[in-house]
Amino acid sequence: MAVTFIACLGIGLDYGMLMGIGVNLMFILYNAARPKVRVRNMTVSLLLVKYIYGWRFVRFSGTIDYNE
């Protein structure tokens, strides 16, 4: 929101609002591409199992976040 306000003062209302919308979309896409996951090691019938579950629905998976 501060980006929109400062951009509107500096470069005009129309381009300032477009810049604010663009910055907000980048934040939304960045957070959606890297979902929060939790990995738990469990033992089931003498087998070591990794249980992976997410905190929110995964639409855009950032596979680089799953490398351990």
Protein backbone atom coordinates (compact mmCIF):
# COMPACT_ATOMS: atom_id res chain seq x y z
CA MET A 1 0.00 0.00 0.00
CA ALA A 2 2.90 2.34 0.72
CA VAL A 3 4.32 1.58 -2.73
CA THR A 4 1.06 2.70 -4.33
CA PHE A 5 0.92 5.90 -2.31
CA ILE A 6 4.54 6.88 -2.99
CA ALA A 7 4.29 5.95 -6.67
CA CYS A 8 1.09 8.00 -7.04
CA LEU A 9 2.86 11.02 -5.57
CA GLY A 10 5.95 10.54 -7.72
CA ILE A 11 4.76 9.42 -11.16
CA GLY A 12 1.06 10.16 -11.23
CA LEU A 13 -2.16 8.49 -10.19
CA ASP A 14 -2.67 6.12 -13.13
CA TYR A 15 0.86 4.71 -13.24
CA GLY A 16 1.12 4.70 -9.47
CA MET A 17 -1.95 2.50 -9.15
CA LEU A 18 -0.67 0.16 -11.85
CA MET A 19 2.64 -0.13 -10.01
CA GLY A 20 0.86 -0.88 -6.73
CA ILE A 21 -1.26 -3.58 -8.37
CA GLY A 22 1.85 -5.12 -9.92
CA VAL A 23 3.71 -5.20 -6.59
CA ASN A 24 0.72 -6.77 -4.81
CA LEU A 25 0.41 -9.44 -7.51
CA MET A 26 4.10 -10.28 -7.12
CA PHE A 27 3.64 -10.76 -3.36
CA ILE A 28 0.59 -13.00 -3.90
CA LEU A 29 2.33 -15.15 -6.52
CA TYR A 30 5.52 -15.42 -4.46
CA ASN A 31 3.63 -16.70 -1.40
CA ALA A 32 1.45 -19.04 -3.46
CA ALA A 33 4.48 -20.59 -5.17
CA ARG A 34 6.14 -21.50 -1.85
CA PRO A 35 3.58 -23.20 0.37
CA LYS A 36 4.47 -23.96 3.95
CA VAL A 37 5.01 -27.68 4.48
CA ARG A 38 5.98 -29.76 7.48
CA VAL A 39 7.96 -33.00 7.26
CA ARG A 40 7.66 -35.55 10.07
CA ASN A 41 9.66 -38.79 10.32
CA MET A 42 7.48 -41.63 11.55
CA THR A 43 8.02 -45.34 12.11
CA VAL A 44 5.24 -47.57 10.81
CA SER A 45 5.65 -51.34 11.14
CA LEU A 46 9.44 -51.00 11.54
CA LEU A 47 9.68 -48.84 8.40
CA LEU A 48 10.86 -45.24 8.46
CA VAL A 49 8.27 -43.09 6.69
CA LYS A 50 8.37 -39.37 5.89
CA TYR A 51 4.97 -37.79 6.41
CA ILE A 52 4.62 -34.51 4.48
CA TYR A 53 1.65 -32.25 4.92
CA GLY A 54 0.92 -28.67 3.99
CA TRP A 55 -0.54 -25.80 5.92
CA ARG A 56 -2.63 -24.60 2.98
CA PHE A 57 -3.84 -25.83 -0.36
CA VAL A 58 -1.01 -26.31 -2.88
CA ARG A 59 -1.77 -24.82 -6.28
CA PHE A 60 1.65 -23.63 -7.41
CA SER A 61 4.33 -25.92 -6.08
CA GLY A 62 7.83 -24.52 -5.66
CA THR A 63 9.84 -27.73 -5.91
CA ILE A 64 13.04 -26.04 -4.78
CA ASP A 65 11.51 -25.68 -1.29
CA TYR A 66 11.16 -29.46 -0.89
CA ASN A 67 14.84 -30.35 -1.33
CA GLU A 68 16.54 -31.47 1.90
